[in-house]
């Protein structure tokens, strides 16, 4: 089922730091502006990312407790940013 915007999951606006990790670049911290139960959007930044289809480890930073490390697949990459979809192990 989708909501009125045609999305399966409702986006929540949040300004936070996200630690991302991938063998191609190691670890990096990037800013995010929104997330949902289905994934995260990373606005365009200077960080180089692997190709669409690659899996990253991601973890929201600076929360009162450690957030879980999740796996997220790059599903979209354009001049506006990177779209990640959470995936199961």
N, C-alpha and C. Protein backbone atom coordinates (compact mmCIF):
# COMPACT_ATOMS: atom_id res chain seq x y z
N UNK A 1 0.84 -1.17 0.00
CA UNK A 1 0.00 0.00 0.00
C UNK A 1 0.89 1.24 0.00
N UNK A 2 0.48 2.28 -0.72
CA UNK A 2 1.24 3.52 -0.77
C UNK A 2 0.44 4.65 -0.15
N UNK A 3 1.14 5.72 0.29
CA UNK A 3 0.44 6.87 0.84
C UNK A 3 0.11 7.84 -0.29
N UNK A 4 -0.41 9.02 0.04
CA UNK A 4 -0.86 9.96 -0.98
C UNK A 4 0.26 10.42 -1.89
N UNK A 5 1.51 10.43 -1.41
CA UNK A 5 2.62 10.86 -2.24
C UNK A 5 3.11 9.72 -3.14
N UNK A 6 2.48 8.53 -3.03
CA UNK A 6 2.88 7.39 -3.84
C UNK A 6 4.00 6.58 -3.22
N UNK A 7 4.36 6.90 -1.99
CA UNK A 7 5.44 6.20 -1.31
C UNK A 7 4.88 5.11 -0.42
N UNK A 8 5.62 4.03 -0.30
CA UNK A 8 5.22 2.92 0.55
C UNK A 8 5.40 3.26 2.02
N UNK A 9 6.46 4.05 2.34
CA UNK A 9 6.75 4.43 3.73
C UNK A 9 6.75 5.94 3.87
N UNK A 10 6.18 6.42 4.95
CA UNK A 10 6.14 7.85 5.25
C UNK A 10 7.53 8.33 5.61
N UNK A 11 7.97 9.43 5.00
CA UNK A 11 9.27 10.01 5.31
C UNK A 11 9.16 10.88 6.56
N UNK A 12 10.21 10.82 7.37
CA UNK A 12 10.30 11.67 8.56
C UNK A 12 11.48 12.61 8.35
N UNK A 13 11.21 13.91 8.42
CA UNK A 13 12.30 14.88 8.30
C UNK A 13 13.16 14.80 9.56
N UNK A 14 14.46 14.70 9.35
CA UNK A 14 15.40 14.64 10.46
C UNK A 14 16.73 15.15 9.95
N UNK A 15 17.36 15.99 10.73
CA UNK A 15 18.72 16.42 10.41
C UNK A 15 19.62 15.66 11.36
N UNK A 16 20.41 14.78 10.79
CA UNK A 16 21.26 13.93 11.61
C UNK A 16 22.51 13.56 10.82
N UNK A 17 23.45 12.99 11.54
CA UNK A 17 24.66 12.47 10.93
C UNK A 17 24.50 10.96 10.78
N UNK A 18 25.01 10.44 9.68
CA UNK A 18 24.91 9.02 9.39
C UNK A 18 26.32 8.50 9.10
N UNK A 19 26.71 7.46 9.82
CA UNK A 19 27.98 6.80 9.50
C UNK A 19 27.69 5.76 8.43
N UNK A 20 28.44 5.82 7.34
CA UNK A 20 28.30 4.86 6.27
C UNK A 20 29.62 4.11 6.12
N UNK A 21 29.55 2.85 5.74
CA UNK A 21 30.77 2.06 5.56
C UNK A 21 30.63 1.15 4.35
N UNK A 22 31.72 1.05 3.60
CA UNK A 22 31.78 0.18 2.42
C UNK A 22 33.26 -0.09 2.14
N UNK A 23 33.60 -1.29 1.68
CA UNK A 23 35.01 -1.59 1.40
C UNK A 23 35.68 -0.62 0.42
N UNK A 24 34.91 0.01 -0.46
CA UNK A 24 35.49 0.92 -1.46
C UNK A 24 36.07 2.19 -0.84
N UNK A 25 35.52 2.63 0.31
CA UNK A 25 36.01 3.88 0.91
C UNK A 25 36.21 3.81 2.41
N UNK A 26 35.92 2.71 3.04
CA UNK A 26 36.04 2.62 4.50
C UNK A 26 34.80 3.20 5.16
N UNK A 27 35.01 4.11 6.12
CA UNK A 27 33.90 4.75 6.82
C UNK A 27 33.89 6.24 6.54
N UNK A 28 32.69 6.82 6.56
CA UNK A 28 32.53 8.26 6.40
C UNK A 28 31.28 8.69 7.16
N UNK A 29 31.22 9.96 7.49
CA UNK A 29 30.05 10.56 8.13
C UNK A 29 29.43 11.53 7.13
N UNK A 30 28.13 11.37 6.89
CA UNK A 30 27.39 12.25 5.98
C UNK A 30 26.15 12.77 6.70
N UNK A 31 25.60 13.85 6.18
CA UNK A 31 24.37 14.41 6.74
C UNK A 31 23.16 13.82 6.02
N UNK A 32 22.08 13.61 6.78
CA UNK A 32 20.82 13.17 6.17
C UNK A 32 19.73 14.17 6.52
N UNK A 33 18.69 14.22 5.70
CA UNK A 33 17.58 15.14 5.93
C UNK A 33 16.27 14.42 6.19
N UNK A 34 16.17 13.16 5.78
CA UNK A 34 14.95 12.42 6.05
C UNK A 34 15.23 10.93 6.01
N UNK A 35 14.33 10.20 6.66
CA UNK A 35 14.40 8.74 6.62
C UNK A 35 13.00 8.19 6.75
N UNK A 36 12.87 6.91 6.50
CA UNK A 36 11.58 6.23 6.62
C UNK A 36 11.86 4.81 7.09
N UNK A 37 10.81 4.05 7.29
CA UNK A 37 10.99 2.64 7.64
C UNK A 37 11.64 1.88 6.50
N UNK A 38 11.60 2.43 5.30
CA UNK A 38 12.13 1.74 4.14
C UNK A 38 13.54 2.13 3.74
N UNK A 39 14.00 3.33 4.18
CA UNK A 39 15.33 3.75 3.77
C UNK A 39 15.68 5.16 4.18
N UNK A 40 16.72 5.67 3.55
CA UNK A 40 17.29 6.97 3.90
C UNK A 40 17.63 7.71 2.61
N UNK A 41 17.52 9.04 2.66
CA UNK A 41 17.98 9.87 1.55
C UNK A 41 19.17 10.69 2.03
N UNK A 42 20.28 10.61 1.29
CA UNK A 42 21.48 11.39 1.59
C UNK A 42 21.58 12.48 0.53
N UNK A 43 21.43 13.76 0.93
CA UNK A 43 21.56 14.84 -0.06
C UNK A 43 22.95 14.83 -0.70
N UNK A 44 23.05 15.39 -1.89
CA UNK A 44 24.32 15.47 -2.60
C UNK A 44 25.40 16.03 -1.68
N UNK A 45 26.57 15.38 -1.71
CA UNK A 45 27.70 15.80 -0.87
C UNK A 45 28.99 15.43 -1.59
N UNK A 46 30.11 15.72 -0.96
CA UNK A 46 31.41 15.45 -1.57
C UNK A 46 31.85 13.99 -1.47
N UNK A 47 31.12 13.19 -0.70
CA UNK A 47 31.48 11.78 -0.51
C UNK A 47 31.28 10.99 -1.81
N UNK A 48 32.27 10.24 -2.19
CA UNK A 48 32.13 9.34 -3.35
C UNK A 48 31.41 8.08 -2.89
N UNK A 49 30.45 7.63 -3.67
CA UNK A 49 29.67 6.44 -3.34
C UNK A 49 29.90 5.36 -4.38
N UNK A 50 29.74 4.09 -4.00
CA UNK A 50 29.77 3.01 -4.99
C UNK A 50 28.56 3.11 -5.92
N UNK A 51 28.49 2.20 -6.87
CA UNK A 51 27.41 2.18 -7.86
C UNK A 51 26.06 1.76 -7.26
N UNK A 52 24.99 2.10 -7.97
CA UNK A 52 23.65 1.64 -7.62
C UNK A 52 23.70 0.11 -7.54
N UNK A 53 23.06 -0.43 -6.51
CA UNK A 53 23.03 -1.87 -6.29
C UNK A 53 23.98 -2.32 -5.18
N UNK A 54 24.97 -1.50 -4.85
CA UNK A 54 25.91 -1.84 -3.80
C UNK A 54 25.26 -1.70 -2.42
N UNK A 55 25.77 -2.46 -1.45
CA UNK A 55 25.24 -2.46 -0.08
C UNK A 55 26.20 -1.69 0.83
N UNK A 56 25.64 -0.80 1.64
CA UNK A 56 26.40 -0.06 2.65
C UNK A 56 25.95 -0.49 4.03
N UNK A 57 26.83 -0.37 5.01
CA UNK A 57 26.43 -0.44 6.41
C UNK A 57 26.17 0.98 6.85
N UNK A 58 25.05 1.23 7.53
CA UNK A 58 24.69 2.58 7.95
C UNK A 58 24.29 2.60 9.42
N UNK A 59 24.60 3.72 10.09
CA UNK A 59 24.24 3.87 11.50
C UNK A 59 24.03 5.35 11.79
N UNK A 60 22.85 5.72 12.28
CA UNK A 60 22.58 7.09 12.70
C UNK A 60 23.44 7.39 13.91
N UNK A 61 24.01 8.59 13.93
CA UNK A 61 24.93 8.99 14.99
C UNK A 61 24.28 9.97 15.97
N UNK A 62 24.95 10.16 17.11
CA UNK A 62 24.60 11.19 18.09
C UNK A 62 23.22 11.03 18.73
N UNK A 63 22.78 9.78 18.89
CA UNK A 63 21.54 9.51 19.60
C UNK A 63 21.88 9.21 21.06
N UNK A 64 20.92 9.28 21.96
CA UNK A 64 21.20 8.98 23.37
C UNK A 64 21.72 7.56 23.59
N UNK A 65 21.36 6.63 22.72
CA UNK A 65 21.86 5.26 22.76
C UNK A 65 22.41 4.93 21.37
N UNK A 66 23.27 3.92 21.29
CA UNK A 66 23.81 3.53 19.99
C UNK A 66 22.70 2.99 19.10
N UNK A 67 22.59 3.56 17.92
CA UNK A 67 21.63 3.06 16.94
C UNK A 67 22.17 1.76 16.34
N UNK A 68 21.29 0.90 15.87
CA UNK A 68 21.76 -0.34 15.25
C UNK A 68 22.48 -0.04 13.92
N UNK A 69 23.40 -0.89 13.57
CA UNK A 69 24.04 -0.84 12.25
C UNK A 69 23.15 -1.64 11.31
N UNK A 70 22.69 -1.00 10.24
CA UNK A 70 21.79 -1.64 9.29
C UNK A 70 22.44 -1.72 7.92
N UNK A 71 21.95 -2.60 7.10
CA UNK A 71 22.40 -2.72 5.72
C UNK A 71 21.41 -1.96 4.83
N UNK A 72 21.96 -1.20 3.89
CA UNK A 72 21.13 -0.42 2.98
C UNK A 72 21.71 -0.50 1.57
N UNK A 73 20.83 -0.74 0.62
CA UNK A 73 21.22 -0.85 -0.79
C UNK A 73 21.05 0.49 -1.48
N UNK A 74 22.03 0.89 -2.28
CA UNK A 74 21.91 2.11 -3.08
C UNK A 74 20.93 1.82 -4.21
N UNK A 75 19.80 2.52 -4.20
CA UNK A 75 18.77 2.27 -5.22
C UNK A 75 18.62 3.44 -6.20
N UNK A 76 19.22 4.59 -5.83
CA UNK A 76 19.10 5.76 -6.71
C UNK A 76 20.30 6.66 -6.46
N UNK A 77 20.83 7.23 -7.51
CA UNK A 77 21.94 8.17 -7.40
C UNK A 77 21.79 9.19 -8.50
N UNK A 78 21.63 10.46 -8.11
CA UNK A 78 21.53 11.53 -9.10
C UNK A 78 22.10 12.82 -8.51
N UNK A 79 21.95 13.92 -9.20
CA UNK A 79 22.55 15.18 -8.75
C UNK A 79 21.96 15.67 -7.42
N UNK A 80 20.77 15.18 -7.06
CA UNK A 80 20.13 15.60 -5.81
C UNK A 80 20.63 14.82 -4.61
N UNK A 81 21.11 13.60 -4.84
CA UNK A 81 21.61 12.80 -3.73
C UNK A 81 21.52 11.30 -4.00
N UNK A 82 21.59 10.55 -2.89
CA UNK A 82 21.62 9.09 -2.93
C UNK A 82 20.43 8.54 -2.18
N UNK A 83 19.68 7.63 -2.79
CA UNK A 83 18.57 6.96 -2.13
C UNK A 83 19.00 5.58 -1.69
N UNK A 84 18.81 5.27 -0.40
CA UNK A 84 19.15 3.97 0.15
C UNK A 84 17.89 3.24 0.60
N UNK A 85 17.82 1.94 0.36
CA UNK A 85 16.71 1.11 0.81
C UNK A 85 17.27 0.09 1.80
N UNK A 86 16.66 0.00 2.97
CA UNK A 86 17.10 -0.99 3.96
C UNK A 86 16.88 -2.39 3.41
N UNK A 87 17.86 -3.28 3.67
CA UNK A 87 17.75 -4.67 3.23
C UNK A 87 18.06 -5.58 4.40
N UNK A 88 17.56 -6.79 4.32
CA UNK A 88 17.84 -7.80 5.35
C UNK A 88 19.21 -8.40 5.11
N UNK A 89 19.79 -8.95 6.16
CA UNK A 89 21.09 -9.62 6.02
C UNK A 89 21.01 -10.78 5.08
